[in-house]
């Protein structure tokens, strides 16, 4: 089990995740690059 190897070998967790899929679809639908979206947009922050 990897727990017994944790401090001896490097492990990469190459995980499947929905967020990159979502951002790619949003980019395809809107033409907006998610990396260029202002993450400090006041209206966006107000959602929380």
ModelCIF file with pLDDT and N, C-alpha, C, O atoms, coordinates in Angstrom:
data_MODEL
#
_entry.id   MODEL 
#
_entity.id                         1 
_entity.type                       polymer 
_entity.pdbx_number_of_molecules   1 
#
_entity_poly.entity_id                      1 
_entity_poly.type                           'polypeptide(L)' 
_entity_poly.nstd_linkage                   no 
_entity_poly.nstd_monomer                   no 
_entity_poly.pdbx_seq_one_letter_code       
;(UNK)(UNK)(UNK)(UNK)(UNK)(UNK)(UNK)(UNK)(UNK)(UNK)(UNK)(UNK)(UNK)(UNK)(UNK)(UNK)
(UNK)(UNK)(UNK)(UNK)(UNK)(UNK)(UNK)(UNK)(UNK)(UNK)(UNK)(UNK)(UNK)(UNK)(UNK)(UNK)
(UNK)(UNK)(UNK)(UNK)(UNK)(UNK)(UNK)(UNK)(UNK)(UNK)(UNK)(UNK)(UNK)(UNK)(UNK)(UNK)
;
_entity_poly.pdbx_seq_one_letter_code_can   XXXXXXXXXXXXXXXXXXXXXXXXXXXXXXXXXXXXXXXXXXXXXXXX 
_entity_poly.pdbx_strand_id                 A 
#
loop_
_entity_poly_seq.entity_id 
_entity_poly_seq.num 
_entity_poly_seq.mon_id 
_entity_poly_seq.hetero 
1 1  UNK n 
1 2  UNK n 
1 3  UNK n 
1 4  UNK n 
1 5  UNK n 
1 6  UNK n 
1 7  UNK n 
1 8  UNK n 
1 9  UNK n 
1 10 UNK n 
1 11 UNK n 
1 12 UNK n 
1 13 UNK n 
1 14 UNK n 
1 15 UNK n 
1 16 UNK n 
1 17 UNK n 
1 18 UNK n 
1 19 UNK n 
1 20 UNK n 
1 21 UNK n 
1 22 UNK n 
1 23 UNK n 
1 24 UNK n 
1 25 UNK n 
1 26 UNK n 
1 27 UNK n 
1 28 UNK n 
1 29 UNK n 
1 30 UNK n 
1 31 UNK n 
1 32 UNK n 
1 33 UNK n 
1 34 UNK n 
1 35 UNK n 
1 36 UNK n 
1 37 UNK n 
1 38 UNK n 
1 39 UNK n 
1 40 UNK n 
1 41 UNK n 
1 42 UNK n 
1 43 UNK n 
1 44 UNK n 
1 45 UNK n 
1 46 UNK n 
1 47 UNK n 
1 48 UNK n 
#
_struct_asym.id          A 
_struct_asym.entity_id   1 
#
loop_
_ma_qa_metric.id 
_ma_qa_metric.mode 
_ma_qa_metric.name 
_ma_qa_metric.software_group_id 
_ma_qa_metric.type 
1 global pLDDT . pLDDT 
2 local  pLDDT . pLDDT 
#
_ma_qa_metric_global.metric_id      1 
_ma_qa_metric_global.metric_value   90.85 
_ma_qa_metric_global.model_id       1 
_ma_qa_metric_global.ordinal_id     1 
#
loop_
_ma_qa_metric_local.label_asym_id 
_ma_qa_metric_local.label_comp_id 
_ma_qa_metric_local.label_seq_id 
_ma_qa_metric_local.metric_id 
_ma_qa_metric_local.metric_value 
_ma_qa_metric_local.model_id 
_ma_qa_metric_local.ordinal_id 
A UNK 1  2 73.00 1 1  
A UNK 2  2 73.00 1 2  
A UNK 3  2 72.00 1 3  
A UNK 4  2 77.00 1 4  
A UNK 5  2 79.00 1 5  
A UNK 6  2 76.00 1 6  
A UNK 7  2 78.00 1 7  
A UNK 8  2 84.00 1 8  
A UNK 9  2 87.00 1 9  
A UNK 10 2 88.00 1 10 
A UNK 11 2 89.00 1 11 
A UNK 12 2 91.00 1 12 
A UNK 13 2 90.00 1 13 
A UNK 14 2 90.00 1 14 
A UNK 15 2 88.00 1 15 
A UNK 16 2 89.00 1 16 
A UNK 17 2 90.00 1 17 
A UNK 18 2 92.00 1 18 
A UNK 19 2 94.00 1 19 
A UNK 20 2 94.00 1 20 
A UNK 21 2 95.00 1 21 
A UNK 22 2 96.00 1 22 
A UNK 23 2 96.00 1 23 
A UNK 24 2 96.00 1 24 
A UNK 25 2 96.00 1 25 
A UNK 26 2 97.00 1 26 
A UNK 27 2 97.00 1 27 
A UNK 28 2 97.00 1 28 
A UNK 29 2 97.00 1 29 
A UNK 30 2 97.00 1 30 
A UNK 31 2 97.00 1 31 
A UNK 32 2 97.00 1 32 
A UNK 33 2 97.00 1 33 
A UNK 34 2 95.00 1 34 
A UNK 35 2 92.00 1 35 
A UNK 36 2 92.00 1 36 
A UNK 37 2 93.00 1 37 
A UNK 38 2 90.00 1 38 
A UNK 39 2 88.00 1 39 
A UNK 40 2 90.00 1 40 
A UNK 41 2 94.00 1 41 
A UNK 42 2 96.00 1 42 
A UNK 43 2 97.00 1 43 
A UNK 44 2 97.00 1 44 
A UNK 45 2 97.00 1 45 
A UNK 46 2 97.00 1 46 
A UNK 47 2 97.00 1 47 
A UNK 48 2 97.00 1 48 
#
loop_
_atom_site.group_PDB 
_atom_site.id 
_atom_site.type_symbol 
_atom_site.label_atom_id 
_atom_site.label_alt_id 
_atom_site.label_comp_id 
_atom_site.label_asym_id 
_atom_site.label_entity_id 
_atom_site.label_seq_id 
_atom_site.pdbx_PDB_ins_code 
_atom_site.Cartn_x 
_atom_site.Cartn_y 
_atom_site.Cartn_z 
_atom_site.occupancy 
_atom_site.B_iso_or_equiv 
_atom_site.pdbx_formal_charge 
_atom_site.auth_seq_id 
_atom_site.auth_comp_id 
_atom_site.auth_asym_id 
_atom_site.auth_atom_id 
_atom_site.pdbx_PDB_model_num 
ATOM 1   N N  . UNK A 1 1  ? 0.849   -1.187 0.000   1.00 73.00 ? 1  UNK A N  1 
ATOM 2   C CA . UNK A 1 1  ? 0.000   0.000  0.000   1.00 73.00 ? 1  UNK A CA 1 
ATOM 3   C C  . UNK A 1 1  ? 0.890   1.244  0.000   1.00 73.00 ? 1  UNK A C  1 
ATOM 4   O O  . UNK A 1 1  ? 1.926   1.260  0.664   1.00 73.00 ? 1  UNK A O  1 
ATOM 5   N N  . UNK A 1 2  ? 0.498   2.281  -0.736  1.00 73.00 ? 2  UNK A N  1 
ATOM 6   C CA . UNK A 1 2  ? 1.381   3.441  -0.868  1.00 73.00 ? 2  UNK A CA 1 
ATOM 7   C C  . UNK A 1 2  ? 1.682   4.116  0.469   1.00 73.00 ? 2  UNK A C  1 
ATOM 8   O O  . UNK A 1 2  ? 2.712   4.776  0.603   1.00 73.00 ? 2  UNK A O  1 
ATOM 9   N N  . UNK A 1 3  ? 0.811   3.963  1.447   1.00 72.00 ? 3  UNK A N  1 
ATOM 10  C CA . UNK A 1 3  ? 1.076   4.586  2.752   1.00 72.00 ? 3  UNK A CA 1 
ATOM 11  C C  . UNK A 1 3  ? 2.422   4.138  3.329   1.00 72.00 ? 3  UNK A C  1 
ATOM 12  O O  . UNK A 1 3  ? 3.077   4.899  4.042   1.00 72.00 ? 3  UNK A O  1 
ATOM 13  N N  . UNK A 1 4  ? 2.835   2.900  3.018   1.00 77.00 ? 4  UNK A N  1 
ATOM 14  C CA . UNK A 1 4  ? 4.108   2.393  3.533   1.00 77.00 ? 4  UNK A CA 1 
ATOM 15  C C  . UNK A 1 4  ? 5.292   2.884  2.713   1.00 77.00 ? 4  UNK A C  1 
ATOM 16  O O  . UNK A 1 4  ? 6.442   2.707  3.116   1.00 77.00 ? 4  UNK A O  1 
ATOM 17  N N  . UNK A 1 5  ? 5.018   3.505  1.558   1.00 79.00 ? 5  UNK A N  1 
ATOM 18  C CA . UNK A 1 5  ? 6.088   3.996  0.684   1.00 79.00 ? 5  UNK A CA 1 
ATOM 19  C C  . UNK A 1 5  ? 6.146   5.522  0.648   1.00 79.00 ? 5  UNK A C  1 
ATOM 20  O O  . UNK A 1 5  ? 6.979   6.107  -0.045  1.00 79.00 ? 5  UNK A O  1 
ATOM 21  N N  . UNK A 1 6  ? 5.250   6.155  1.403   1.00 76.00 ? 6  UNK A N  1 
ATOM 22  C CA . UNK A 1 6  ? 5.007   7.590  1.250   1.00 76.00 ? 6  UNK A CA 1 
ATOM 23  C C  . UNK A 1 6  ? 6.268   8.437  1.344   1.00 76.00 ? 6  UNK A C  1 
ATOM 24  O O  . UNK A 1 6  ? 6.429   9.393  0.585   1.00 76.00 ? 6  UNK A O  1 
ATOM 25  N N  . UNK A 1 7  ? 7.161   8.096  2.265   1.00 78.00 ? 7  UNK A N  1 
ATOM 26  C CA . UNK A 1 7  ? 8.355   8.921  2.478   1.00 78.00 ? 7  UNK A CA 1 
ATOM 27  C C  . UNK A 1 7  ? 9.579   8.395  1.732   1.00 78.00 ? 7  UNK A C  1 
ATOM 28  O O  . UNK A 1 7  ? 10.708  8.797  2.016   1.00 78.00 ? 7  UNK A O  1 
ATOM 29  N N  . UNK A 1 8  ? 9.348   7.494  0.777   1.00 84.00 ? 8  UNK A N  1 
ATOM 30  C CA . UNK A 1 8  ? 10.469  6.903  0.053   1.00 84.00 ? 8  UNK A CA 1 
ATOM 31  C C  . UNK A 1 8  ? 10.419  7.145  -1.451  1.00 84.00 ? 8  UNK A C  1 
ATOM 32  O O  . UNK A 1 8  ? 11.459  7.268  -2.098  1.00 84.00 ? 8  UNK A O  1 
ATOM 33  N N  . UNK A 1 9  ? 9.236   7.212  -1.995  1.00 87.00 ? 9  UNK A N  1 
ATOM 34  C CA . UNK A 1 9  ? 9.079   7.422  -3.437  1.00 87.00 ? 9  UNK A CA 1 
ATOM 35  C C  . UNK A 1 9  ? 8.092   8.556  -3.704  1.00 87.00 ? 9  UNK A C  1 
ATOM 36  O O  . UNK A 1 9  ? 7.138   8.750  -2.949  1.00 87.00 ? 9  UNK A O  1 
ATOM 37  N N  . UNK A 1 10 ? 8.327   9.297  -4.776  1.00 88.00 ? 10 UNK A N  1 
ATOM 38  C CA . UNK A 1 10 ? 7.413   10.376 -5.166  1.00 88.00 ? 10 UNK A CA 1 
ATOM 39  C C  . UNK A 1 10 ? 6.181   9.775  -5.842  1.00 88.00 ? 10 UNK A C  1 
ATOM 40  O O  . UNK A 1 10 ? 6.294   8.868  -6.667  1.00 88.00 ? 10 UNK A O  1 
ATOM 41  N N  . UNK A 1 11 ? 5.001   10.294 -5.480  1.00 89.00 ? 11 UNK A N  1 
ATOM 42  C CA . UNK A 1 11 ? 3.762   9.867  -6.139  1.00 89.00 ? 11 UNK A CA 1 
ATOM 43  C C  . UNK A 1 11 ? 3.126   11.070 -6.827  1.00 89.00 ? 11 UNK A C  1 
ATOM 44  O O  . UNK A 1 11 ? 2.987   12.134 -6.223  1.00 89.00 ? 11 UNK A O  1 
ATOM 45  N N  . UNK A 1 12 ? 2.746   10.905 -8.067  1.00 91.00 ? 12 UNK A N  1 
ATOM 46  C CA . UNK A 1 12 ? 1.961   11.912 -8.784  1.00 91.00 ? 12 UNK A CA 1 
ATOM 47  C C  . UNK A 1 12 ? 0.511   11.465 -8.770  1.00 91.00 ? 12 UNK A C  1 
ATOM 48  O O  . UNK A 1 12 ? 0.205   10.340 -9.165  1.00 91.00 ? 12 UNK A O  1 
ATOM 49  N N  . UNK A 1 13 ? -0.388  12.336 -8.317  1.00 90.00 ? 13 UNK A N  1 
ATOM 50  C CA . UNK A 1 13 ? -1.828  12.059 -8.414  1.00 90.00 ? 13 UNK A CA 1 
ATOM 51  C C  . UNK A 1 13 ? -2.344  12.751 -9.661  1.00 90.00 ? 13 UNK A C  1 
ATOM 52  O O  . UNK A 1 13 ? -2.570  13.961 -9.656  1.00 90.00 ? 13 UNK A O  1 
ATOM 53  N N  . UNK A 1 14 ? -2.530  11.988 -10.731 1.00 90.00 ? 14 UNK A N  1 
ATOM 54  C CA . UNK A 1 14 ? -3.054  12.541 -11.988 1.00 90.00 ? 14 UNK A CA 1 
ATOM 55  C C  . UNK A 1 14 ? -4.557  12.290 -11.970 1.00 90.00 ? 14 UNK A C  1 
ATOM 56  O O  . UNK A 1 14 ? -5.026  11.254 -12.441 1.00 90.00 ? 14 UNK A O  1 
ATOM 57  N N  . UNK A 1 15 ? -5.305  13.240 -11.426 1.00 88.00 ? 15 UNK A N  1 
ATOM 58  C CA . UNK A 1 15 ? -6.717  13.022 -11.123 1.00 88.00 ? 15 UNK A CA 1 
ATOM 59  C C  . UNK A 1 15 ? -7.643  13.628 -12.170 1.00 88.00 ? 15 UNK A C  1 
ATOM 60  O O  . UNK A 1 15 ? -7.339  14.661 -12.768 1.00 88.00 ? 15 UNK A O  1 
ATOM 61  N N  . UNK A 1 16 ? -8.765  12.974 -12.377 1.00 89.00 ? 16 UNK A N  1 
ATOM 62  C CA . UNK A 1 16 ? -9.813  13.514 -13.249 1.00 89.00 ? 16 UNK A CA 1 
ATOM 63  C C  . UNK A 1 16 ? -10.674 14.482 -12.453 1.00 89.00 ? 16 UNK A C  1 
ATOM 64  O O  . UNK A 1 16 ? -11.058 14.181 -11.323 1.00 89.00 ? 16 UNK A O  1 
ATOM 65  N N  . UNK A 1 17 ? -10.980 15.631 -13.023 1.00 90.00 ? 17 UNK A N  1 
ATOM 66  C CA . UNK A 1 17 ? -11.710 16.677 -12.297 1.00 90.00 ? 17 UNK A CA 1 
ATOM 67  C C  . UNK A 1 17 ? -12.657 17.386 -13.259 1.00 90.00 ? 17 UNK A C  1 
ATOM 68  O O  . UNK A 1 17 ? -12.352 17.555 -14.439 1.00 90.00 ? 17 UNK A O  1 
ATOM 69  N N  . UNK A 1 18 ? -13.814 17.798 -12.736 1.00 92.00 ? 18 UNK A N  1 
ATOM 70  C CA . UNK A 1 18 ? -14.807 18.453 -13.590 1.00 92.00 ? 18 UNK A CA 1 
ATOM 71  C C  . UNK A 1 18 ? -14.467 19.902 -13.924 1.00 92.00 ? 18 UNK A C  1 
ATOM 72  O O  . UNK A 1 18 ? -14.822 20.387 -14.998 1.00 92.00 ? 18 UNK A O  1 
ATOM 73  N N  . UNK A 1 19 ? -13.775 20.604 -13.007 1.00 94.00 ? 19 UNK A N  1 
ATOM 74  C CA . UNK A 1 19 ? -13.557 22.044 -13.202 1.00 94.00 ? 19 UNK A CA 1 
ATOM 75  C C  . UNK A 1 19 ? -12.843 22.385 -14.511 1.00 94.00 ? 19 UNK A C  1 
ATOM 76  O O  . UNK A 1 19 ? -13.287 23.300 -15.204 1.00 94.00 ? 19 UNK A O  1 
ATOM 77  N N  . UNK A 1 20 ? -11.757 21.696 -14.885 1.00 94.00 ? 20 UNK A N  1 
ATOM 78  C CA . UNK A 1 20 ? -11.127 22.009 -16.177 1.00 94.00 ? 20 UNK A CA 1 
ATOM 79  C C  . UNK A 1 20 ? -12.061 21.753 -17.359 1.00 94.00 ? 20 UNK A C  1 
ATOM 80  O O  . UNK A 1 20 ? -12.030 22.481 -18.351 1.00 94.00 ? 20 UNK A O  1 
ATOM 81  N N  . UNK A 1 21 ? -12.897 20.708 -17.244 1.00 95.00 ? 21 UNK A N  1 
ATOM 82  C CA . UNK A 1 21 ? -13.869 20.416 -18.304 1.00 95.00 ? 21 UNK A CA 1 
ATOM 83  C C  . UNK A 1 21 ? -14.866 21.562 -18.428 1.00 95.00 ? 21 UNK A C  1 
ATOM 84  O O  . UNK A 1 21 ? -15.197 21.995 -19.532 1.00 95.00 ? 21 UNK A O  1 
ATOM 85  N N  . UNK A 1 22 ? -15.341 22.048 -17.283 1.00 96.00 ? 22 UNK A N  1 
ATOM 86  C CA . UNK A 1 22 ? -16.301 23.163 -17.252 1.00 96.00 ? 22 UNK A CA 1 
ATOM 87  C C  . UNK A 1 22 ? -15.693 24.409 -17.887 1.00 96.00 ? 22 UNK A C  1 
ATOM 88  O O  . UNK A 1 22 ? -16.325 25.051 -18.726 1.00 96.00 ? 22 UNK A O  1 
ATOM 89  N N  . UNK A 1 23 ? -14.473 24.752 -17.491 1.00 96.00 ? 23 UNK A N  1 
ATOM 90  C CA . UNK A 1 23 ? -13.832 25.971 -18.006 1.00 96.00 ? 23 UNK A CA 1 
ATOM 91  C C  . UNK A 1 23 ? -13.576 25.881 -19.509 1.00 96.00 ? 23 UNK A C  1 
ATOM 92  O O  . UNK A 1 23 ? -13.694 26.880 -20.219 1.00 96.00 ? 23 UNK A O  1 
ATOM 93  N N  . UNK A 1 24 ? -13.227 24.690 -19.995 1.00 96.00 ? 24 UNK A N  1 
ATOM 94  C CA . UNK A 1 24 ? -13.010 24.525 -21.442 1.00 96.00 ? 24 UNK A CA 1 
ATOM 95  C C  . UNK A 1 24 ? -14.317 24.711 -22.211 1.00 96.00 ? 24 UNK A C  1 
ATOM 96  O O  . UNK A 1 24 ? -14.334 25.339 -23.270 1.00 96.00 ? 24 UNK A O  1 
ATOM 97  N N  . UNK A 1 25 ? -15.412 24.163 -21.675 1.00 96.00 ? 25 UNK A N  1 
ATOM 98  C CA . UNK A 1 25 ? -16.705 24.308 -22.338 1.00 96.00 ? 25 UNK A CA 1 
ATOM 99  C C  . UNK A 1 25 ? -17.164 25.761 -22.311 1.00 96.00 ? 25 UNK A C  1 
ATOM 100 O O  . UNK A 1 25 ? -17.718 26.257 -23.292 1.00 96.00 ? 25 UNK A O  1 
ATOM 101 N N  . UNK A 1 26 ? -16.933 26.448 -21.187 1.00 97.00 ? 26 UNK A N  1 
ATOM 102 C CA . UNK A 1 26 ? -17.292 27.872 -21.095 1.00 97.00 ? 26 UNK A CA 1 
ATOM 103 C C  . UNK A 1 26 ? -16.501 28.693 -22.110 1.00 97.00 ? 26 UNK A C  1 
ATOM 104 O O  . UNK A 1 26 ? -17.039 29.615 -22.724 1.00 97.00 ? 26 UNK A O  1 
ATOM 105 N N  . UNK A 1 27 ? -15.235 28.358 -22.282 1.00 97.00 ? 27 UNK A N  1 
ATOM 106 C CA . UNK A 1 27 ? -14.416 29.060 -23.268 1.00 97.00 ? 27 UNK A CA 1 
ATOM 107 C C  . UNK A 1 27 ? -14.941 28.812 -24.686 1.00 97.00 ? 27 UNK A C  1 
ATOM 108 O O  . UNK A 1 27 ? -15.003 29.734 -25.499 1.00 97.00 ? 27 UNK A O  1 
ATOM 109 N N  . UNK A 1 28 ? -15.317 27.567 -24.975 1.00 97.00 ? 28 UNK A N  1 
ATOM 110 C CA . UNK A 1 28 ? -15.827 27.231 -26.307 1.00 97.00 ? 28 UNK A CA 1 
ATOM 111 C C  . UNK A 1 28 ? -17.144 27.957 -26.593 1.00 97.00 ? 28 UNK A C  1 
ATOM 112 O O  . UNK A 1 28 ? -17.398 28.366 -27.726 1.00 97.00 ? 28 UNK A O  1 
ATOM 113 N N  . UNK A 1 29 ? -17.987 28.114 -25.552 1.00 97.00 ? 29 UNK A N  1 
ATOM 114 C CA . UNK A 1 29 ? -19.301 28.743 -25.740 1.00 97.00 ? 29 UNK A CA 1 
ATOM 115 C C  . UNK A 1 29 ? -19.222 30.261 -25.841 1.00 97.00 ? 29 UNK A C  1 
ATOM 116 O O  . UNK A 1 29 ? -20.006 30.878 -26.562 1.00 97.00 ? 29 UNK A O  1 
ATOM 117 N N  . UNK A 1 30 ? -18.271 30.870 -25.117 1.00 97.00 ? 30 UNK A N  1 
ATOM 118 C CA . UNK A 1 30 ? -18.230 32.340 -25.039 1.00 97.00 ? 30 UNK A CA 1 
ATOM 119 C C  . UNK A 1 30 ? -17.056 32.965 -25.784 1.00 97.00 ? 30 UNK A C  1 
ATOM 120 O O  . UNK A 1 30 ? -17.085 34.153 -26.103 1.00 97.00 ? 30 UNK A O  1 
ATOM 121 N N  . UNK A 1 31 ? -16.026 32.174 -26.062 1.00 97.00 ? 31 UNK A N  1 
ATOM 122 C CA . UNK A 1 31 ? -14.826 32.726 -26.688 1.00 97.00 ? 31 UNK A CA 1 
ATOM 123 C C  . UNK A 1 31 ? -13.926 33.457 -25.709 1.00 97.00 ? 31 UNK A C  1 
ATOM 124 O O  . UNK A 1 31 ? -12.951 34.087 -26.116 1.00 97.00 ? 31 UNK A O  1 
ATOM 125 N N  . UNK A 1 32 ? -14.245 33.379 -24.406 1.00 97.00 ? 32 UNK A N  1 
ATOM 126 C CA . UNK A 1 32 ? -13.452 34.064 -23.378 1.00 97.00 ? 32 UNK A CA 1 
ATOM 127 C C  . UNK A 1 32 ? -12.477 33.074 -22.741 1.00 97.00 ? 32 UNK A C  1 
ATOM 128 O O  . UNK A 1 32 ? -12.876 31.991 -22.314 1.00 97.00 ? 32 UNK A O  1 
ATOM 129 N N  . UNK A 1 33 ? -11.199 33.449 -22.678 1.00 97.00 ? 33 UNK A N  1 
ATOM 130 C CA . UNK A 1 33 ? -10.186 32.621 -22.044 1.00 97.00 ? 33 UNK A CA 1 
ATOM 131 C C  . UNK A 1 33 ? -10.342 32.720 -20.526 1.00 97.00 ? 33 UNK A C  1 
ATOM 132 O O  . UNK A 1 33 ? -10.185 33.808 -19.970 1.00 97.00 ? 33 UNK A O  1 
ATOM 133 N N  . UNK A 1 34 ? -10.648 31.609 -19.838 1.00 95.00 ? 34 UNK A N  1 
ATOM 134 C CA . UNK A 1 34 ? -10.861 31.673 -18.378 1.00 95.00 ? 34 UNK A CA 1 
ATOM 135 C C  . UNK A 1 34 ? -9.660  32.226 -17.620 1.00 95.00 ? 34 UNK A C  1 
ATOM 136 O O  . UNK A 1 34 ? -9.828  32.812 -16.550 1.00 95.00 ? 34 UNK A O  1 
ATOM 137 N N  . UNK A 1 35 ? -8.443  32.049 -18.158 1.00 92.00 ? 35 UNK A N  1 
ATOM 138 C CA . UNK A 1 35 ? -7.247  32.553 -17.473 1.00 92.00 ? 35 UNK A CA 1 
ATOM 139 C C  . UNK A 1 35 ? -7.205  34.080 -17.455 1.00 92.00 ? 35 UNK A C  1 
ATOM 140 O O  . UNK A 1 35 ? -6.498  34.678 -16.645 1.00 92.00 ? 35 UNK A O  1 
ATOM 141 N N  . UNK A 1 36 ? -7.966  34.705 -18.351 1.00 92.00 ? 36 UNK A N  1 
ATOM 142 C CA . UNK A 1 36 ? -7.980  36.166 -18.425 1.00 92.00 ? 36 UNK A CA 1 
ATOM 143 C C  . UNK A 1 36 ? -9.159  36.778 -17.669 1.00 92.00 ? 36 UNK A C  1 
ATOM 144 O O  . UNK A 1 36 ? -9.321  37.998 -17.647 1.00 92.00 ? 36 UNK A O  1 
ATOM 145 N N  . UNK A 1 37 ? -9.974  35.933 -17.055 1.00 93.00 ? 37 UNK A N  1 
ATOM 146 C CA . UNK A 1 37 ? -11.120 36.425 -16.289 1.00 93.00 ? 37 UNK A CA 1 
ATOM 147 C C  . UNK A 1 37 ? -10.624 37.078 -15.001 1.00 93.00 ? 37 UNK A C  1 
ATOM 148 O O  . UNK A 1 37 ? -9.791  36.495 -14.307 1.00 93.00 ? 37 UNK A O  1 
ATOM 149 N N  . UNK A 1 38 ? -11.112 38.273 -14.663 1.00 90.00 ? 38 UNK A N  1 
ATOM 150 C CA . UNK A 1 38 ? -10.678 38.924 -13.415 1.00 90.00 ? 38 UNK A CA 1 
ATOM 151 C C  . UNK A 1 38 ? -11.284 38.224 -12.198 1.00 90.00 ? 38 UNK A C  1 
ATOM 152 O O  . UNK A 1 38 ? -12.500 38.251 -12.006 1.00 90.00 ? 38 UNK A O  1 
ATOM 153 N N  . UNK A 1 39 ? -10.437 37.598 -11.377 1.00 88.00 ? 39 UNK A N  1 
ATOM 154 C CA . UNK A 1 39 ? -10.989 36.842 -10.247 1.00 88.00 ? 39 UNK A CA 1 
ATOM 155 C C  . UNK A 1 39 ? -11.402 37.756 -9.090  1.00 88.00 ? 39 UNK A C  1 
ATOM 156 O O  . UNK A 1 39 ? -11.992 37.292 -8.114  1.00 88.00 ? 39 UNK A O  1 
ATOM 157 N N  . UNK A 1 40 ? -11.094 39.056 -9.196  1.00 90.00 ? 40 UNK A N  1 
ATOM 158 C CA . UNK A 1 40 ? -11.525 39.983 -8.145  1.00 90.00 ? 40 UNK A CA 1 
ATOM 159 C C  . UNK A 1 40 ? -12.701 40.848 -8.602  1.00 90.00 ? 40 UNK A C  1 
ATOM 160 O O  . UNK A 1 40 ? -12.920 41.931 -8.060  1.00 90.00 ? 40 UNK A O  1 
ATOM 161 N N  . UNK A 1 41 ? -13.455 40.376 -9.591  1.00 94.00 ? 41 UNK A N  1 
ATOM 162 C CA . UNK A 1 41 ? -14.624 41.113 -10.078 1.00 94.00 ? 41 UNK A CA 1 
ATOM 163 C C  . UNK A 1 41 ? -15.624 41.302 -8.929  1.00 94.00 ? 41 UNK A C  1 
ATOM 164 O O  . UNK A 1 41 ? -16.034 40.313 -8.321  1.00 94.00 ? 41 UNK A O  1 
ATOM 165 N N  . UNK A 1 42 ? -16.031 42.546 -8.610  1.00 96.00 ? 42 UNK A N  1 
ATOM 166 C CA . UNK A 1 42 ? -16.911 42.796 -7.453  1.00 96.00 ? 42 UNK A CA 1 
ATOM 167 C C  . UNK A 1 42 ? -18.229 42.028 -7.503  1.00 96.00 ? 42 UNK A C  1 
ATOM 168 O O  . UNK A 1 42 ? -18.662 41.480 -6.489  1.00 96.00 ? 42 UNK A O  1 
ATOM 169 N N  . UNK A 1 43 ? -18.876 41.981 -8.681  1.00 97.00 ? 43 UNK A N  1 
ATOM 170 C CA . UNK A 1 43 ? -20.144 41.258 -8.779  1.00 97.00 ? 43 UNK A CA 1 
ATOM 171 C C  . UNK A 1 43 ? -19.948 39.766 -8.507  1.00 97.00 ? 43 UNK A C  1 
ATOM 172 O O  . UNK A 1 43 ? -20.779 39.129 -7.860  1.00 97.00 ? 43 UNK A O  1 
ATOM 173 N N  . UNK A 1 44 ? -18.839 39.218 -9.010  1.00 97.00 ? 44 UNK A N  1 
ATOM 174 C CA . UNK A 1 44 ? -18.553 37.796 -8.789  1.00 97.00 ? 44 UNK A CA 1 
ATOM 175 C C  . UNK A 1 44 ? -18.342 37.529 -7.307  1.00 97.00 ? 44 UNK A C  1 
ATOM 176 O O  . UNK A 1 44 ? -18.904 36.575 -6.768  1.00 97.00 ? 44 UNK A O  1 
ATOM 177 N N  . UNK A 1 45 ? -17.540 38.355 -6.637  1.00 97.00 ? 45 UNK A N  1 
ATOM 178 C CA . UNK A 1 45 ? -17.279 38.167 -5.210  1.00 97.00 ? 45 UNK A CA 1 
ATOM 179 C C  . UNK A 1 45 ? -18.552 38.318 -4.372  1.00 97.00 ? 45 UNK A C  1 
ATOM 180 O O  . UNK A 1 45 ? -18.680 37.710 -3.309  1.00 97.00 ? 45 UNK A O  1 
ATOM 181 N N  . UNK A 1 46 ? -19.497 39.139 -4.864  1.00 97.00 ? 46 UNK A N  1 
ATOM 182 C CA . UNK A 1 46 ? -20.728 39.357 -4.093  1.00 97.00 ? 46 UNK A CA 1 
ATOM 183 C C  . UNK A 1 46 ? -21.611 38.107 -4.039  1.00 97.00 ? 46 UNK A C  1 
ATOM 184 O O  . UNK A 1 46 ? -22.473 38.000 -3.166  1.00 97.00 ? 46 UNK A O  1 
ATOM 185 N N  . UNK A 1 47 ? -21.406 37.163 -4.962  1.00 97.00 ? 47 UNK A N  1 
ATOM 186 C CA . UNK A 1 47 ? -22.214 35.932 -4.964  1.00 97.00 ? 47 UNK A CA 1 
ATOM 187 C C  . UNK A 1 47 ? -22.073 35.152 -3.663  1.00 97.00 ? 47 UNK A C  1 
ATOM 188 O O  . UNK A 1 47 ? -22.983 34.417 -3.278  1.00 97.00 ? 47 UNK A O  1 
ATOM 189 N N  . UNK A 1 48 ? -20.940 35.308 -2.985  1.00 97.00 ? 48 UNK A N  1 
ATOM 190 C CA . UNK A 1 48 ? -20.677 34.543 -1.773  1.00 97.00 ? 48 UNK A CA 1 
ATOM 191 C C  . UNK A 1 48 ? -21.276 35.207 -0.534  1.00 97.00 ? 48 UNK A C  1 
ATOM 192 O O  . UNK A 1 48 ? -21.142 34.685 0.573   1.00 97.00 ? 48 UNK A O  1 
#
